[in-house]
């Protein structure tokens, strides 16, 4: 069990007609780090899908987190995503001074 921190260099948002959409977080060199699908607030959050190397992940966040997450990505200078295999596994988007690499 371990975790890895990746710096986010760019993001894209794909709106959907049937729901809130998908946020894609990109790292240096154009590699896709995480895809986040947004679900309704009254639905249980499914576990994330992580690669064995923890280089990328697919996760679900509650719809109500979307505005704050986009605000974080737009306004903060350094935003990272931590991908962790510690049970039950998680994907955490954050700003701050945590260094990129292993946790």
C-alpha atoms as a PDB file:
ATOM      1  CA  UNK A   1       0.000   0.000   0.000  1.00  0.00           C
ATOM      2  CA  UNK A   2       1.338   3.391  -0.965  1.00  0.00           C
ATOM      3  CA  UNK A   3       0.468   6.700  -2.514  1.00  0.00           C
ATOM      4  CA  UNK A   4       1.806   9.051  -5.151  1.00  0.00           C
ATOM      5  CA  UNK A   5       1.454  12.837  -5.562  1.00  0.00           C
ATOM      6  CA  UNK A   6       1.203  14.344  -9.054  1.00  0.00           C
ATOM      7  CA  UNK A   7       1.258  18.028  -9.969  1.00  0.00           C
ATOM      8  CA  UNK A   8      -1.643  19.129 -12.157  1.00  0.00           C
ATOM      9  CA  UNK A   9      -0.586  21.290 -15.104  1.00  0.00           C
ATOM     10  CA  UNK A  10      -3.917  21.514 -16.911  1.00  0.00           C
ATOM     11  CA  UNK A  11      -7.517  20.347 -16.746  1.00  0.00           C
ATOM     12  CA  UNK A  12     -10.418  19.868 -19.119  1.00  0.00           C
ATOM     13  CA  UNK A  13     -14.114  19.522 -18.423  1.00  0.00           C
ATOM     14  CA  UNK A  14     -16.491  17.474 -20.565  1.00  0.00           C
ATOM     15  CA  UNK A  15     -20.118  18.482 -19.932  1.00  0.00           C
ATOM     16  CA  UNK A  16     -22.788  15.832 -20.413  1.00  0.00           C
ATOM     17  CA  UNK A  17     -26.445  16.145 -21.281  1.00  0.00           C
ATOM     18  CA  UNK A  18     -27.353  13.381 -18.802  1.00  0.00           C
ATOM     19  CA  UNK A  19     -25.398  14.657 -15.786  1.00  0.00           C
ATOM     20  CA  UNK A  20     -22.739  16.962 -14.355  1.00  0.00           C
ATOM     21  CA  UNK A  21     -19.887  15.744 -16.573  1.00  0.00           C
ATOM     22  CA  UNK A  22     -16.282  14.652 -16.260  1.00  0.00           C
ATOM     23  CA  UNK A  23     -13.163  16.524 -15.194  1.00  0.00           C
ATOM     24  CA  UNK A  24      -9.807  15.395 -16.586  1.00  0.00           C
ATOM     25  CA  UNK A  25      -6.602  16.322 -14.759  1.00  0.00           C
ATOM     26  CA  UNK A  26      -3.407  16.437 -16.811  1.00  0.00           C
ATOM     27  CA  UNK A  27       0.226  16.370 -15.709  1.00  0.00           C
ATOM     28  CA  UNK A  28       3.491  17.393 -17.320  1.00  0.00           C
ATOM     29  CA  UNK A  29       4.068  15.972 -20.754  1.00  0.00           C
ATOM     30  CA  UNK A  30       0.331  15.781 -21.383  1.00  0.00           C
ATOM     31  CA  UNK A  31      -0.241  12.589 -19.385  1.00  0.00           C
ATOM     32  CA  UNK A  32      -3.737  12.022 -18.010  1.00  0.00           C
ATOM     33  CA  UNK A  33      -3.477  11.690 -14.223  1.00  0.00           C
ATOM     34  CA  UNK A  34      -7.111  11.442 -13.185  1.00  0.00           C
ATOM     35  CA  UNK A  35     -10.620  11.400 -14.562  1.00  0.00           C
ATOM     36  CA  UNK A  36     -13.307  12.507 -12.141  1.00  0.00           C
ATOM     37  CA  UNK A  37     -16.952  11.766 -12.833  1.00  0.00           C
ATOM     38  CA  UNK A  38     -19.496  13.718 -10.827  1.00  0.00           C
ATOM     39  CA  UNK A  39     -22.486  11.967  -9.312  1.00  0.00           C
ATOM     40  CA  UNK A  40     -25.592  13.253  -7.577  1.00  0.00           C
ATOM     41  CA  UNK A  41     -25.150  14.112  -3.905  1.00  0.00           C
ATOM     42  CA  UNK A  42     -27.677  11.510  -2.747  1.00  0.00           C
ATOM     43  CA  UNK A  43     -25.816   8.600  -4.402  1.00  0.00           C
ATOM     44  CA  UNK A  44     -23.093   6.614  -2.570  1.00  0.00           C
ATOM     45  CA  UNK A  45     -19.607   7.294  -3.936  1.00  0.00           C
ATOM     46  CA  UNK A  46     -18.111   4.233  -5.684  1.00  0.00           C
ATOM     47  CA  UNK A  47     -14.509   3.273  -4.942  1.00  0.00           C
ATOM     48  CA  UNK A  48     -11.896   4.776  -7.285  1.00  0.00           C
ATOM     49  CA  UNK A  49     -10.115   2.710  -9.916  1.00  0.00           C
ATOM     50  CA  UNK A  50      -6.341   3.027  -9.560  1.00  0.00           C
ATOM     51  CA  UNK A  51      -3.515   1.817 -11.763  1.00  0.00           C
ATOM     52  CA  UNK A  52      -1.017  -0.465 -10.012  1.00  0.00           C
ATOM     53  CA  UNK A  53       1.725   2.143 -10.459  1.00  0.00           C
ATOM     54  CA  UNK A  54      -0.577   4.872  -9.041  1.00  0.00           C
ATOM     55  CA  UNK A  55       0.214   6.976 -12.116  1.00  0.00           C
ATOM     56  CA  UNK A  56      -3.466   7.482 -12.929  1.00  0.00           C
ATOM     57  CA  UNK A  57      -6.938   6.924 -11.558  1.00  0.00           C
ATOM     58  CA  UNK A  58     -10.646   7.226 -12.227  1.00  0.00           C
ATOM     59  CA  UNK A  59     -12.762   8.516  -9.363  1.00  0.00           C
ATOM     60  CA  UNK A  60     -16.220   9.790  -8.471  1.00  0.00           C
ATOM     61  CA  UNK A  61     -16.916  13.001  -6.567  1.00  0.00           C
ATOM     62  CA  UNK A  62     -20.232  14.407  -5.395  1.00  0.00           C
ATOM     63  CA  UNK A  63     -21.796  16.962  -7.749  1.00  0.00           C
ATOM     64  CA  UNK A  64     -21.710  19.648  -5.035  1.00  0.00           C
ATOM     65  CA  UNK A  65     -17.876  19.547  -5.014  1.00  0.00           C
ATOM     66  CA  UNK A  66     -17.596  20.615  -8.662  1.00  0.00           C
ATOM     67  CA  UNK A  67     -17.695  24.428  -8.171  1.00  0.00           C
ATOM     68  CA  UNK A  68     -15.098  24.356  -5.374  1.00  0.00           C
ATOM     69  CA  UNK A  69     -12.826  22.027  -7.312  1.00  0.00           C
ATOM     70  CA  UNK A  70     -12.930  24.196 -10.453  1.00  0.00           C
ATOM     71  CA  UNK A  71     -12.311  27.263  -8.265  1.00  0.00           C
ATOM     72  CA  UNK A  72      -9.247  25.552  -6.761  1.00  0.00           C
ATOM     73  CA  UNK A  73      -7.899  24.640 -10.208  1.00  0.00           C
ATOM     74  CA  UNK A  74      -8.404  28.173 -11.543  1.00  0.00           C
ATOM     75  CA  UNK A  75      -7.090  30.215  -8.608  1.00  0.00           C
ATOM     76  CA  UNK A  76      -4.295  28.237  -6.970  1.00  0.00           C
ATOM     77  CA  UNK A  77      -0.804  28.314  -8.453  1.00  0.00           C
ATOM     78  CA  UNK A  78       0.150  24.762  -7.512  1.00  0.00           C
ATOM     79  CA  UNK A  79      -2.504  22.066  -7.425  1.00  0.00           C
ATOM     80  CA  UNK A  80      -1.767  18.378  -6.999  1.00  0.00           C
ATOM     81  CA  UNK A  81      -3.635  15.105  -6.891  1.00  0.00           C
ATOM     82  CA  UNK A  82      -2.728  12.341  -4.466  1.00  0.00           C
ATOM     83  CA  UNK A  83      -3.567   8.803  -5.556  1.00  0.00           C
ATOM     84  CA  UNK A  84      -3.468   6.321  -2.702  1.00  0.00           C
ATOM     85  CA  UNK A  85      -3.918   2.574  -2.436  1.00  0.00           C
ATOM     86  CA  UNK A  86      -4.353   2.740   1.341  1.00  0.00           C
ATOM     87  CA  UNK A  87      -7.704   1.022   1.980  1.00  0.00           C
ATOM     88  CA  UNK A  88     -10.199   1.739   0.662  1.00  0.00           C
ATOM     89  CA  UNK A  89      -8.143   3.772  -1.875  1.00  0.00           C
ATOM     90  CA  UNK A  90      -8.634   7.437  -2.612  1.00  0.00           C
ATOM     91  CA  UNK A  91      -8.029  10.313  -5.024  1.00  0.00           C
ATOM     92  CA  UNK A  92      -7.502  13.684  -3.322  1.00  0.00           C
ATOM     93  CA  UNK A  93      -7.131  17.018  -5.163  1.00  0.00           C
ATOM     94  CA  UNK A  94      -5.364  19.689  -3.118  1.00  0.00           C
ATOM     95  CA  UNK A  95      -3.136  22.733  -3.101  1.00  0.00           C
ATOM     96  CA  UNK A  96      -0.183  23.247  -0.834  1.00  0.00           C
ATOM     97  CA  UNK A  97       3.455  22.484  -0.379  1.00  0.00           C
ATOM     98  CA  UNK A  98       3.358  18.674  -0.400  1.00  0.00           C
ATOM     99  CA  UNK A  99       6.138  17.548  -2.706  1.00  0.00           C
ATOM    100  CA  UNK A 100       5.429  15.647  -5.890  1.00  0.00           C
ATOM    101  CA  UNK A 101       6.406  11.973  -5.886  1.00  0.00           C
ATOM    102  CA  UNK A 102       5.979   9.241  -3.300  1.00  0.00           C
ATOM    103  CA  UNK A 103       4.020   9.947  -0.099  1.00  0.00           C
END
